[in-house]
Amino acid sequence: MFISSAWAQQAGGFSLPGVPEGVLQFVPLVLIFAVFYFLLIRPQQKKMKQHREMLSQVARGDRIVTNGGLVGTIIKVLNENELQVEIAEGVRVHVMRGMIANVINKTDAAKE
């Protein structure tokens, strides 16, 4: 009566001549990945590389900040992973090299 029959019709989708339809479905995914790479992944890798270089260049006499927020001066490099840091006069602690957050004052390495 008042309701007419609705028949499904094939929608005319966007297509380029000579390009299969399946390839066009992946174009937005590739674009999203490219945006994530240039805005998120690449800057984070650059920051990590700079931090690794900073850690490899710390030496005796440098004033540092640890990840825990302690500020101290490197007294002795014990091995490639461990440093002896003076956080107060006469108070020396051992700190893992990877736990250094920042170098405040870079000094020339003391000559032995």
PDB file of N, CA and C in Angstrom:
ATOM      1  N   MET A   1       0.793  -1.176   0.000  1.00  0.00           N
ATOM      2  CA  MET A   1       0.000   0.000   0.000  1.00  0.00           C
ATOM      3  C   MET A   1       0.853   1.265   0.000  1.00  0.00           C
ATOM      4  N   PHE A   2       1.190   1.721   1.232  1.00  0.00           N
ATOM      5  CA  PHE A   2       1.996   2.945   1.286  1.00  0.00           C
ATOM      6  C   PHE A   2       3.496   2.672   1.268  1.00  0.00           C
ATOM      7  N   ILE A   3       3.860   1.438   1.474  1.00  0.00           N
ATOM      8  CA  ILE A   3       5.273   1.087   1.532  1.00  0.00           C
ATOM      9  C   ILE A   3       5.689   0.505   0.195  1.00  0.00           C
ATOM     10  N   SER A   4       6.659   1.114  -0.408  1.00  0.00           N
ATOM     11  CA  SER A   4       7.138   0.599  -1.679  1.00  0.00           C
ATOM     12  C   SER A   4       8.343  -0.293  -1.432  1.00  0.00           C
ATOM     13  N   SER A   5       8.595  -1.168  -2.311  1.00  0.00           N
ATOM     14  CA  SER A   5       9.729  -2.081  -2.172  1.00  0.00           C
ATOM     15  C   SER A   5      11.023  -1.335  -2.486  1.00  0.00           C
ATOM     16  N   ALA A   6      12.032  -1.598  -1.672  1.00  0.00           N
ATOM     17  CA  ALA A   6      13.345  -1.004  -1.894  1.00  0.00           C
ATOM     18  C   ALA A   6      14.264  -2.080  -2.432  1.00  0.00           C
ATOM     19  N   TRP A   7      14.880  -1.811  -3.518  1.00  0.00           N
ATOM     20  CA  TRP A   7      15.783  -2.771  -4.134  1.00  0.00           C
ATOM     21  C   TRP A   7      17.209  -2.238  -4.002  1.00  0.00           C
ATOM     22  N   ALA A   8      18.084  -3.132  -3.558  1.00  0.00           N
ATOM     23  CA  ALA A   8      19.490  -2.750  -3.394  1.00  0.00           C
ATOM     24  C   ALA A   8      20.125  -2.590  -4.763  1.00  0.00           C
ATOM     25  N   GLN A   9      20.893  -1.555  -4.872  1.00  0.00           N
ATOM     26  CA  GLN A   9      21.605  -1.330  -6.111  1.00  0.00           C
ATOM     27  C   GLN A   9      23.100  -1.301  -5.810  1.00  0.00           C
ATOM     28  N   GLN A  10      23.882  -1.659  -6.754  1.00  0.00           N
ATOM     29  CA  GLN A  10      25.329  -1.625  -6.582  1.00  0.00           C
ATOM     30  C   GLN A  10      25.789  -0.175  -6.607  1.00  0.00           C
ATOM     31  N   ALA A  11      26.536   0.195  -5.536  1.00  0.00           N
ATOM     32  CA  ALA A  11      27.033   1.565  -5.450  1.00  0.00           C
ATOM     33  C   ALA A  11      28.212   1.727  -6.393  1.00  0.00           C
ATOM     34  N   GLY A  12      28.263   2.843  -7.007  1.00  0.00           N
ATOM     35  CA  GLY A  12      29.380   3.132  -7.904  1.00  0.00           C
ATOM     36  C   GLY A  12      30.533   3.701  -7.103  1.00  0.00           C
ATOM     37  N   GLY A  13      31.477   2.865  -6.683  1.00  0.00           N
ATOM     38  CA  GLY A  13      32.604   3.303  -5.874  1.00  0.00           C
ATOM     39  C   GLY A  13      33.663   3.996  -6.715  1.00  0.00           C
ATOM     40  N   PHE A  14      34.606   4.606  -6.026  1.00  0.00           N
ATOM     41  CA  PHE A  14      35.705   5.300  -6.698  1.00  0.00           C
ATOM     42  C   PHE A  14      36.698   4.270  -7.209  1.00  0.00           C
ATOM     43  N   SER A  15      37.076   4.362  -8.421  1.00  0.00           N
ATOM     44  CA  SER A  15      38.077   3.442  -8.964  1.00  0.00           C
ATOM     45  C   SER A  15      38.899   4.169 -10.018  1.00  0.00           C
ATOM     46  N   LEU A  16      40.135   3.746 -10.097  1.00  0.00           N
ATOM     47  CA  LEU A  16      41.029   4.297 -11.106  1.00  0.00           C
ATOM     48  C   LEU A  16      41.216   3.252 -12.184  1.00  0.00           C
ATOM     49  N   PRO A  17      41.297   3.661 -13.404  1.00  0.00           N
ATOM     50  CA  PRO A  17      41.489   2.673 -14.473  1.00  0.00           C
ATOM     51  C   PRO A  17      42.853   2.000 -14.350  1.00  0.00           C
ATOM     52  N   GLY A  18      42.853   0.698 -14.396  1.00  0.00           N
ATOM     53  CA  GLY A  18      44.094  -0.058 -14.348  1.00  0.00           C
ATOM     54  C   GLY A  18      44.583  -0.369 -12.931  1.00  0.00           C
ATOM     55  N   VAL A  19      43.857   0.084 -11.885  1.00  0.00           N
ATOM     56  CA  VAL A  19      44.253  -0.176 -10.501  1.00  0.00           C
ATOM     57  C   VAL A  19      43.191  -1.075  -9.868  1.00  0.00           C
ATOM     58  N   PRO A  20      43.582  -2.225  -9.327  1.00  0.00           N
ATOM     59  CA  PRO A  20      42.596  -3.101  -8.693  1.00  0.00           C
ATOM     60  C   PRO A  20      41.953  -2.432  -7.477  1.00  0.00           C
ATOM     61  N   GLU A  21      40.700  -2.795  -7.183  1.00  0.00           N
ATOM     62  CA  GLU A  21      39.974  -2.171  -6.075  1.00  0.00           C
ATOM     63  C   GLU A  21      40.625  -2.441  -4.725  1.00  0.00           C
ATOM     64  N   GLY A  22      41.184  -3.604  -4.529  1.00  0.00           N
ATOM     65  CA  GLY A  22      41.794  -3.961  -3.250  1.00  0.00           C
ATOM     66  C   GLY A  22      42.970  -3.073  -2.878  1.00  0.00           C
ATOM     67  N   VAL A  23      43.696  -2.585  -3.856  1.00  0.00           N
ATOM     68  CA  VAL A  23      44.855  -1.737  -3.593  1.00  0.00           C
ATOM     69  C   VAL A  23      44.414  -0.392  -3.032  1.00  0.00           C
ATOM     70  N   LEU A  24      43.344   0.147  -3.524  1.00  0.00           N
ATOM     71  CA  LEU A  24      42.859   1.449  -3.070  1.00  0.00           C
ATOM     72  C   LEU A  24      42.381   1.405  -1.622  1.00  0.00           C
ATOM     73  N   GLN A  25      41.997   0.237  -1.123  1.00  0.00           N
ATOM     74  CA  GLN A  25      41.554   0.125   0.261  1.00  0.00           C
ATOM     75  C   GLN A  25      42.718   0.274   1.234  1.00  0.00           C
ATOM     76  N   PHE A  26      43.926  -0.029   0.809  1.00  0.00           N
ATOM     77  CA  PHE A  26      45.092   0.043   1.693  1.00  0.00           C
ATOM     78  C   PHE A  26      45.783   1.405   1.684  1.00  0.00           C
ATOM     79  N   VAL A  27      45.420   2.270   0.777  1.00  0.00           N
ATOM     80  CA  VAL A  27      46.042   3.591   0.691  1.00  0.00           C
ATOM     81  C   VAL A  27      45.848   4.394   1.977  1.00  0.00           C
ATOM     82  N   PRO A  28      44.650   4.459   2.577  1.00  0.00           N
ATOM     83  CA  PRO A  28      44.518   5.202   3.842  1.00  0.00           C
ATOM     84  C   PRO A  28      45.362   4.617   4.968  1.00  0.00           C
ATOM     85  N   LEU A  29      45.490   3.303   5.028  1.00  0.00           N
ATOM     86  CA  LEU A  29      46.328   2.684   6.061  1.00  0.00           C
ATOM     87  C   LEU A  29      47.796   3.060   5.893  1.00  0.00           C
ATOM     88  N   VAL A  30      48.255   3.091   4.673  1.00  0.00           N
ATOM     89  CA  VAL A  30      49.641   3.471   4.404  1.00  0.00           C
ATOM     90  C   VAL A  30      49.866   4.935   4.785  1.00  0.00           C
ATOM     91  N   LEU A  31      48.907   5.787   4.483  1.00  0.00           N
ATOM     92  CA  LEU A  31      49.033   7.202   4.833  1.00  0.00           C
ATOM     93  C   LEU A  31      49.036   7.401   6.349  1.00  0.00           C
ATOM     94  N   ILE A  32      48.206   6.671   7.065  1.00  0.00           N
ATOM     95  CA  ILE A  32      48.182   6.767   8.531  1.00  0.00           C
ATOM     96  C   ILE A  32      49.513   6.311   9.108  1.00  0.00           C
ATOM     97  N   PHE A  33      50.064   5.207   8.597  1.00  0.00           N
ATOM     98  CA  PHE A  33      51.358   4.732   9.074  1.00  0.00           C
ATOM     99  C   PHE A  33      52.456   5.757   8.810  1.00  0.00           C
ATOM    100  N   ALA A  34      52.419   6.396   7.647  1.00  0.00           N
ATOM    101  CA  ALA A  34      53.438   7.400   7.320  1.00  0.00           C
ATOM    102  C   ALA A  34      53.355   8.588   8.278  1.00  0.00           C
ATOM    103  N   VAL A  35      52.145   9.020   8.603  1.00  0.00           N
ATOM    104  CA  VAL A  35      51.978  10.133   9.544  1.00  0.00           C
ATOM    105  C   VAL A  35      52.496   9.747  10.915  1.00  0.00           C
ATOM    106  N   PHE A  36      52.156   8.544  11.402  1.00  0.00           N
ATOM    107  CA  PHE A  36      52.659   8.090  12.700  1.00  0.00           C
ATOM    108  C   PHE A  36      54.178   8.015  12.706  1.00  0.00           C
ATOM    109  N   TYR A  37      54.767   7.539  11.620  1.00  0.00           N
ATOM    110  CA  TYR A  37      56.213   7.409  11.564  1.00  0.00           C
ATOM    111  C   TYR A  37      56.885   8.772  11.689  1.00  0.00           C
ATOM    112  N   PHE A  38      56.433   9.751  10.907  1.00  0.00           N
ATOM    113  CA  PHE A  38      57.108  11.045  10.904  1.00  0.00           C
ATOM    114  C   PHE A  38      56.768  11.913  12.102  1.00  0.00           C
ATOM    115  N   LEU A  39      55.628  11.707  12.738  1.00  0.00           N
ATOM    116  CA  LEU A  39      55.254  12.530  13.885  1.00  0.00           C
ATOM    117  C   LEU A  39      55.558  11.884  15.234  1.00  0.00           C
ATOM    118  N   LEU A  40      55.627  10.564  15.297  1.00  0.00           N
ATOM    119  CA  LEU A  40      55.814   9.894  16.586  1.00  0.00           C
ATOM    120  C   LEU A  40      57.082   9.045  16.651  1.00  0.00           C
ATOM    121  N   ILE A  41      57.248   8.136  15.739  1.00  0.00           N
ATOM    122  CA  ILE A  41      58.323   7.149  15.839  1.00  0.00           C
ATOM    123  C   ILE A  41      59.686   7.778  15.583  1.00  0.00           C
ATOM    124  N   ARG A  42      59.835   8.524  14.510  1.00  0.00           N
ATOM    125  CA  ARG A  42      61.134   9.100  14.147  1.00  0.00           C
ATOM    126  C   ARG A  42      61.668  10.076  15.201  1.00  0.00           C
ATOM    127  N   PRO A  43      60.855  11.016  15.731  1.00  0.00           N
ATOM    128  CA  PRO A  43      61.380  11.903  16.774  1.00  0.00           C
ATOM    129  C   PRO A  43      61.778  11.153  18.046  1.00  0.00           C
ATOM    130  N   GLN A  44      61.032  10.097  18.395  1.00  0.00           N
ATOM    131  CA  GLN A  44      61.379   9.322  19.588  1.00  0.00           C
ATOM    132  C   GLN A  44      62.707   8.600  19.394  1.00  0.00           C
ATOM    133  N   GLN A  45      62.954   8.047  18.220  1.00  0.00           N
ATOM    134  CA  GLN A  45      64.227   7.387  17.946  1.00  0.00           C
ATOM    135  C   GLN A  45      65.378   8.381  18.005  1.00  0.00           C
ATOM    136  N   LYS A  46      65.161   9.581  17.503  1.00  0.00           N
ATOM    137  CA  LYS A  46      66.199  10.615  17.534  1.00  0.00           C
ATOM    138  C   LYS A  46      66.522  11.003  18.976  1.00  0.00           C
ATOM    139  N   LYS A  47      65.487  11.136  19.798  1.00  0.00           N
ATOM    140  CA  LYS A  47      65.683  11.482  21.208  1.00  0.00           C
ATOM    141  C   LYS A  47      66.432  10.373  21.952  1.00  0.00           C
ATOM    142  N   MET A  48      66.097   9.122  21.671  1.00  0.00           N
ATOM    143  CA  MET A  48      66.786   7.995  22.303  1.00  0.00           C
ATOM    144  C   MET A  48      68.259   7.964  21.891  1.00  0.00           C
ATOM    145  N   LYS A  49      68.547   8.259  20.633  1.00  0.00           N
ATOM    146  CA  LYS A  49      69.927   8.264  20.153  1.00  0.00           C
ATOM    147  C   LYS A  49      70.739   9.353  20.855  1.00  0.00           C
ATOM    148  N   GLN A  50      70.154  10.547  21.027  1.00  0.00           N
ATOM    149  CA  GLN A  50      70.845  11.630  21.724  1.00  0.00           C
ATOM    150  C   GLN A  50      71.105  11.261  23.186  1.00  0.00           C
ATOM    151  N   HIS A  51      70.151  10.595  23.830  1.00  0.00           N
ATOM    152  CA  HIS A  51      70.321  10.187  25.225  1.00  0.00           C
ATOM    153  C   HIS A  51      71.434   9.155  25.351  1.00  0.00           C
ATOM    154  N   ARG A  52      71.496   8.186  24.431  1.00  0.00           N
ATOM    155  CA  ARG A  52      72.575   7.186  24.446  1.00  0.00           C
ATOM    156  C   ARG A  52      73.943   7.851  24.276  1.00  0.00           C
ATOM    157  N   GLU A  53      74.025   8.838  23.373  1.00  0.00           N
ATOM    158  CA  GLU A  53      75.288   9.546  23.169  1.00  0.00           C
ATOM    159  C   GLU A  53      75.681  10.324  24.419  1.00  0.00           C
ATOM    160  N   MET A  54      74.704  10.949  25.081  1.00  0.00           N
ATOM    161  CA  MET A  54      74.980  11.684  26.312  1.00  0.00           C
ATOM    162  C   MET A  54      75.501  10.738  27.386  1.00  0.00           C
ATOM    163  N   LEU A  55      74.897   9.555  27.501  1.00  0.00           N
ATOM    164  CA  LEU A  55      75.330   8.592  28.513  1.00  0.00           C
ATOM    165  C   LEU A  55      76.740   8.081  28.238  1.00  0.00           C
ATOM    166  N   SER A  56      77.076   7.924  26.984  1.00  0.00           N
ATOM    167  CA  SER A  56      78.411   7.419  26.660  1.00  0.00           C
ATOM    168  C   SER A  56      79.500   8.465  26.895  1.00  0.00           C
ATOM    169  N   GLN A  57      79.132   9.746  26.983  1.00  0.00           N
ATOM    170  CA  GLN A  57      80.121  10.809  27.131  1.00  0.00           C
ATOM    171  C   GLN A  57      80.257  11.339  28.553  1.00  0.00           C
ATOM    172  N   VAL A  58      79.493  10.785  29.518  1.00  0.00           N
ATOM    173  CA  VAL A  58      79.636  11.282  30.891  1.00  0.00           C
ATOM    174  C   VAL A  58      80.999  10.860  31.433  1.00  0.00           C
ATOM    175  N   ALA A  59      81.585  11.729  32.241  1.00  0.00           N
ATOM    176  CA  ALA A  59      82.923  11.471  32.778  1.00  0.00           C
ATOM    177  C   ALA A  59      83.012  12.027  34.192  1.00  0.00           C
ATOM    178  N   ARG A  60      84.125  11.768  34.833  1.00  0.00           N
ATOM    179  CA  ARG A  60      84.357  12.248  36.190  1.00  0.00           C
ATOM    180  C   ARG A  60      84.289  13.763  36.241  1.00  0.00           C
ATOM    181  N   GLY A  61      83.596  14.280  37.239  1.00  0.00           N
ATOM    182  CA  GLY A  61      83.469  15.720  37.404  1.00  0.00           C
ATOM    183  C   GLY A  61      82.177  16.291  36.845  1.00  0.00           C
ATOM    184  N   ASP A  62      81.448  15.521  36.043  1.00  0.00           N
ATOM    185  CA  ASP A  62      80.177  15.999  35.495  1.00  0.00           C
ATOM    186  C   ASP A  62      79.116  16.041  36.590  1.00  0.00           C
ATOM    187  N   ARG A  63      78.294  17.057  36.533  1.00  0.00           N
ATOM    188  CA  ARG A  63      77.169  17.175  37.467  1.00  0.00           C
ATOM    189  C   ARG A  63      75.943  16.620  36.751  1.00  0.00           C
ATOM    190  N   ILE A  64      75.263  15.671  37.392  1.00  0.00           N
ATOM    191  CA  ILE A  64      74.175  14.948  36.732  1.00  0.00           C
ATOM    192  C   ILE A  64      72.893  14.978  37.560  1.00  0.00           C
ATOM    193  N   VAL A  65      71.790  14.626  36.904  1.00  0.00           N
ATOM    194  CA  VAL A  65      70.507  14.401  37.558  1.00  0.00           C
ATOM    195  C   VAL A  65      70.091  12.975  37.219  1.00  0.00           C
ATOM    196  N   THR A  66      69.710  12.199  38.238  1.00  0.00           N
ATOM    197  CA  THR A  66      69.266  10.834  37.997  1.00  0.00           C
ATOM    198  C   THR A  66      67.774  10.816  37.702  1.00  0.00           C
ATOM    199  N   ASN A  67      67.285   9.656  37.268  1.00  0.00           N
ATOM    200  CA  ASN A  67      65.853   9.521  36.997  1.00  0.00           C
ATOM    201  C   ASN A  67      65.029   9.691  38.270  1.00  0.00           C
ATOM    202  N   GLY A  68      65.622   9.425  39.425  1.00  0.00           N
ATOM    203  CA  GLY A  68      64.933   9.606  40.693  1.00  0.00           C
ATOM    204  C   GLY A  68      64.938  11.037  41.179  1.00  0.00           C
ATOM    205  N   GLY A  69      65.665  11.922  40.497  1.00  0.00           N
ATOM    206  CA  GLY A  69      65.695  13.328  40.862  1.00  0.00           C
ATOM    207  C   GLY A  69      66.880  13.725  41.718  1.00  0.00           C
ATOM    208  N   LEU A  70      67.787  12.792  41.999  1.00  0.00           N
ATOM    209  CA  LEU A  70      68.972  13.134  42.781  1.00  0.00           C
ATOM    210  C   LEU A  70      69.976  13.874  41.906  1.00  0.00           C
ATOM    211  N   VAL A  71      70.571  14.909  42.476  1.00  0.00           N
ATOM    212  CA  VAL A  71      71.583  15.690  41.773  1.00  0.00           C
ATOM    213  C   VAL A  71      72.912  15.396  42.437  1.00  0.00           C
ATOM    214  N   GLY A  72      73.912  15.098  41.644  1.00  0.00           N
ATOM    215  CA  GLY A  72      75.218  14.790  42.204  1.00  0.00           C
ATOM    216  C   GLY A  72      76.324  14.977  41.192  1.00  0.00           C
ATOM    217  N   THR A  73      77.543  14.748  41.669  1.00  0.00           N
ATOM    218  CA  THR A  73      78.735  14.880  40.838  1.00  0.00           C
ATOM    219  C   THR A  73      79.385  13.512  40.697  1.00  0.00           C
ATOM    220  N   ILE A  74      79.759  13.168  39.475  1.00  0.00           N
ATOM    221  CA  ILE A  74      80.413  11.884  39.253  1.00  0.00           C
ATOM    222  C   ILE A  74      81.824  11.952  39.833  1.00  0.00           C
ATOM    223  N   ILE A  75      82.110  11.032  40.749  1.00  0.00           N
ATOM    224  CA  ILE A  75      83.413  10.965  41.386  1.00  0.00           C
ATOM    225  C   ILE A  75      84.300   9.948  40.681  1.00  0.00           C
ATOM    226  N   LYS A  76      83.698   8.829  40.286  1.00  0.00           N
ATOM    227  CA  LYS A  76      84.501   7.750  39.739  1.00  0.00           C
ATOM    228  C   LYS A  76      83.644   6.921  38.785  1.00  0.00           C
ATOM    229  N   VAL A  77      84.222   6.509  37.664  1.00  0.00           N
ATOM    230  CA  VAL A  77      83.568   5.590  36.748  1.00  0.00           C
ATOM    231  C   VAL A  77      84.057   4.195  37.120  1.00  0.00           C
ATOM    232  N   LEU A  78      83.160   3.377  37.696  1.00  0.00           N
ATOM    233  CA  LEU A  78      83.554   2.054  38.183  1.00  0.00           C
ATOM    234  C   LEU A  78      83.702   1.053  37.045  1.00  0.00           C
ATOM    235  N   ASN A  79      82.755   1.016  36.160  1.00  0.00           N
ATOM    236  CA  ASN A  79      82.847   0.200  34.947  1.00  0.00           C
ATOM    237  C   ASN A  79      81.927   0.818  33.911  1.00  0.00           C
ATOM    238  N   GLU A  80      81.653   0.115  32.807  1.00  0.00           N
ATOM    239  CA  GLU A  80      80.864   0.743  31.744  1.00  0.00           C
ATOM    240  C   GLU A  80      79.411   0.979  32.130  1.00  0.00           C
ATOM    241  N   ASN A  81      78.926   0.316  33.197  1.00  0.00           N
ATOM    242  CA  ASN A  81      77.525   0.479  33.585  1.00  0.00           C
ATOM    243  C   ASN A  81      77.324   1.173  34.923  1.00  0.00           C
ATOM    244  N   GLU A  82      78.360   1.323  35.710  1.00  0.00           N
ATOM    245  CA  GLU A  82      78.198   1.815  37.071  1.00  0.00           C
ATOM    246  C   GLU A  82      79.113   3.001  37.349  1.00  0.00           C
ATOM    247  N   LEU A  83      78.557   4.000  38.049  1.00  0.00           N
ATOM    248  CA  LEU A  83      79.291   5.206  38.395  1.00  0.00           C
ATOM    249  C   LEU A  83      79.189   5.443  39.896  1.00  0.00           C
ATOM    250  N   GLN A  84      80.201   6.089  40.450  1.00  0.00           N
ATOM    251  CA  GLN A  84      80.125   6.517  41.842  1.00  0.00           C
ATOM    252  C   GLN A  84      79.836   8.015  41.827  1.00  0.00           C
ATOM    253  N   VAL A  85      78.743   8.399  42.508  1.00  0.00           N
ATOM    254  CA  VAL A  85      78.267   9.774  42.469  1.00  0.00           C
ATOM    255  C   VAL A  85      78.194  10.310  43.889  1.00  0.00           C
ATOM    256  N   GLU A  86      78.694  11.541  44.064  1.00  0.00           N
ATOM    257  CA  GLU A  86      78.601  12.194  45.362  1.00  0.00           C
ATOM    258  C   GLU A  86      77.376  13.102  45.336  1.00  0.00           C
ATOM    259  N   ILE A  87      76.372  12.773  46.198  1.00  0.00           N
ATOM    260  CA  ILE A  87      75.125  13.549  46.212  1.00  0.00           C
ATOM    261  C   ILE A  87      75.110  14.600  47.315  1.00  0.00           C
ATOM    262  N   ALA A  88      75.992  14.456  48.298  1.00  0.00           N
ATOM    263  CA  ALA A  88      76.180  15.449  49.352  1.00  0.00           C
ATOM    264  C   ALA A  88      77.619  15.302  49.818  1.00  0.00           C
ATOM    265  N   GLU A  89      78.091  16.226  50.609  1.00  0.00           N
ATOM    266  CA  GLU A  89      79.480  16.165  51.048  1.00  0.00           C
ATOM    267  C   GLU A  89      79.698  14.903  51.877  1.00  0.00           C
ATOM    268  N   GLY A  90      80.544  14.029  51.367  1.00  0.00           N
ATOM    269  CA  GLY A  90      80.863  12.779  52.052  1.00  0.00           C
ATOM    270  C   GLY A  90      79.866  11.656  51.823  1.00  0.00           C
ATOM    271  N   VAL A  91      78.816  11.890  51.038  1.00  0.00           N
ATOM    272  CA  VAL A  91      77.817  10.856  50.755  1.00  0.00           C
ATOM    273  C   VAL A  91      77.977  10.428  49.306  1.00  0.00           C
ATOM    274  N   ARG A  92      78.435   9.198  49.132  1.00  0.00           N
ATOM    275  CA  ARG A  92      78.671   8.671  47.785  1.00  0.00           C
ATOM    276  C   ARG A  92      77.784   7.461  47.555  1.00  0.00           C
ATOM    277  N   VAL A  93      77.179   7.417  46.403  1.00  0.00           N
ATOM    278  CA  VAL A  93      76.299   6.307  46.033  1.00  0.00           C
ATOM    279  C   VAL A  93      76.734   5.772  44.671  1.00  0.00           C
ATOM    280  N   HIS A  94      76.350   4.526  44.423  1.00  0.00           N
ATOM    281  CA  HIS A  94      76.611   3.926  43.116  1.00  0.00           C
ATOM    282  C   HIS A  94      75.350   4.070  42.278  1.00  0.00           C
ATOM    283  N   VAL A  95      75.509   4.549  41.063  1.00  0.00           N
ATOM    284  CA  VAL A  95      74.385   4.799  40.163  1.00  0.00           C
ATOM    285  C   VAL A  95      74.661   4.065  38.856  1.00  0.00           C
ATOM    286  N   MET A  96      73.613   3.425  38.338  1.00  0.00           N
ATOM    287  CA  MET A  96      73.732   2.797  37.030  1.00  0.00           C
ATOM    288  C   MET A  96      73.740   3.888  35.961  1.00  0.00           C
ATOM    289  N   ARG A  97      74.574   3.729  34.970  1.00  0.00           N
ATOM    290  CA  ARG A  97      74.727   4.736  33.919  1.00  0.00           C
ATOM    291  C   ARG A  97      73.399   5.002  33.203  1.00  0.00           C
ATOM    292  N   GLY A  98      72.586   3.975  33.025  1.00  0.00           N
ATOM    293  CA  GLY A  98      71.313   4.125  32.329  1.00  0.00           C
ATOM    294  C   GLY A  98      70.280   4.933  33.103  1.00  0.00           C
ATOM    295  N   MET A  99      70.520   5.172  34.387  1.00  0.00           N
ATOM    296  CA  MET A  99      69.568   5.914  35.208  1.00  0.00           C
ATOM    297  C   MET A  99      69.861   7.414  35.254  1.00  0.00           C
ATOM    298  N   ILE A 100      70.791   7.867  34.445  1.00  0.00           N
ATOM    299  CA  ILE A 100      71.084   9.303  34.363  1.00  0.00           C
ATOM    300  C   ILE A 100      70.072   9.935  33.420  1.00  0.00           C
ATOM    301  N   ALA A 101      69.379  10.941  33.921  1.00  0.00           N
ATOM    302  CA  ALA A 101      68.368  11.619  33.116  1.00  0.00           C
ATOM    303  C   ALA A 101      68.954  12.790  32.341  1.00  0.00           C
ATOM    304  N   ASN A 102      69.899  13.515  32.974  1.00  0.00           N
ATOM    305  CA  ASN A 102      70.408  14.729  32.333  1.00  0.00           C
ATOM    306  C   ASN A 102      71.783  15.058  32.893  1.00  0.00           C
ATOM    307  N   VAL A 103      72.598  15.714  32.099  1.00  0.00           N
ATOM    308  CA  VAL A 103      73.882  16.234  32.551  1.00  0.00           C
ATOM    309  C   VAL A 103      73.721  17.741  32.682  1.00  0.00           C
ATOM    310  N   ILE A 104      73.915  18.240  33.905  1.00  0.00           N
ATOM    311  CA  ILE A 104      73.716  19.685  34.162  1.00  0.00           C
ATOM    312  C   ILE A 104      74.939  20.466  33.717  1.00  0.00           C
ATOM    313  N   ASN A 105      76.088  20.132  34.304  1.00  0.00           N
ATOM    314  CA  ASN A 105      77.333  20.828  33.977  1.00  0.00           C
ATOM    315  C   ASN A 105      78.322  19.815  33.446  1.00  0.00           C
ATOM    316  N   LYS A 106      78.696  19.998  32.192  1.00  0.00           N
ATOM    317  CA  LYS A 106      79.692  19.131  31.577  1.00  0.00           C
ATOM    318  C   LYS A 106      81.054  19.747  31.827  1.00  0.00           C
ATOM    319  N   THR A 107      81.933  18.971  32.473  1.00  0.00           N
ATOM    320  CA  THR A 107      83.291  19.472  32.731  1.00  0.00           C
ATOM    321  C   THR A 107      84.274  18.650  31.924  1.00  0.00           C
ATOM    322  N   ASP A 108      85.470  19.181  31.774  1.00  0.00           N
ATOM    323  CA  ASP A 108      86.517  18.423  31.117  1.00  0.00           C
ATOM    324  C   ASP A 108      86.928  17.286  32.040  1.00  0.00           C
ATOM    325  N   ALA A 109      87.190  16.141  31.473  1.00  0.00           N
ATOM    326  CA  ALA A 109      87.574  14.984  32.267  1.00  0.00           C
ATOM    327  C   ALA A 109      88.876  15.285  33.005  1.00  0.00           C
ATOM    328  N   ALA A 110      88.913  14.917  34.253  1.00  0.00           N
ATOM    329  CA  ALA A 110      90.122  15.158  35.055  1.00  0.00           C
ATOM    330  C   ALA A 110      91.246  14.246  34.555  1.00  0.00           C
ATOM    331  N   LYS A 111      92.430  14.793  34.472  1.00  0.00           N
ATOM    332  CA  LYS A 111      93.566  14.005  33.991  1.00  0.00           C
ATOM    333  C   LYS A 111      94.122  13.203  35.149  1.00  0.00           C
ATOM    334  N   GLU A 112      94.371  11.948  34.871  1.00  0.00           N
ATOM    335  CA  GLU A 112      94.874  11.067  35.923  1.00  0.00           C
ATOM    336  C   GLU A 112      96.389  10.999  35.883  1.00  0.00           C
TER     337      GLU A 112
END
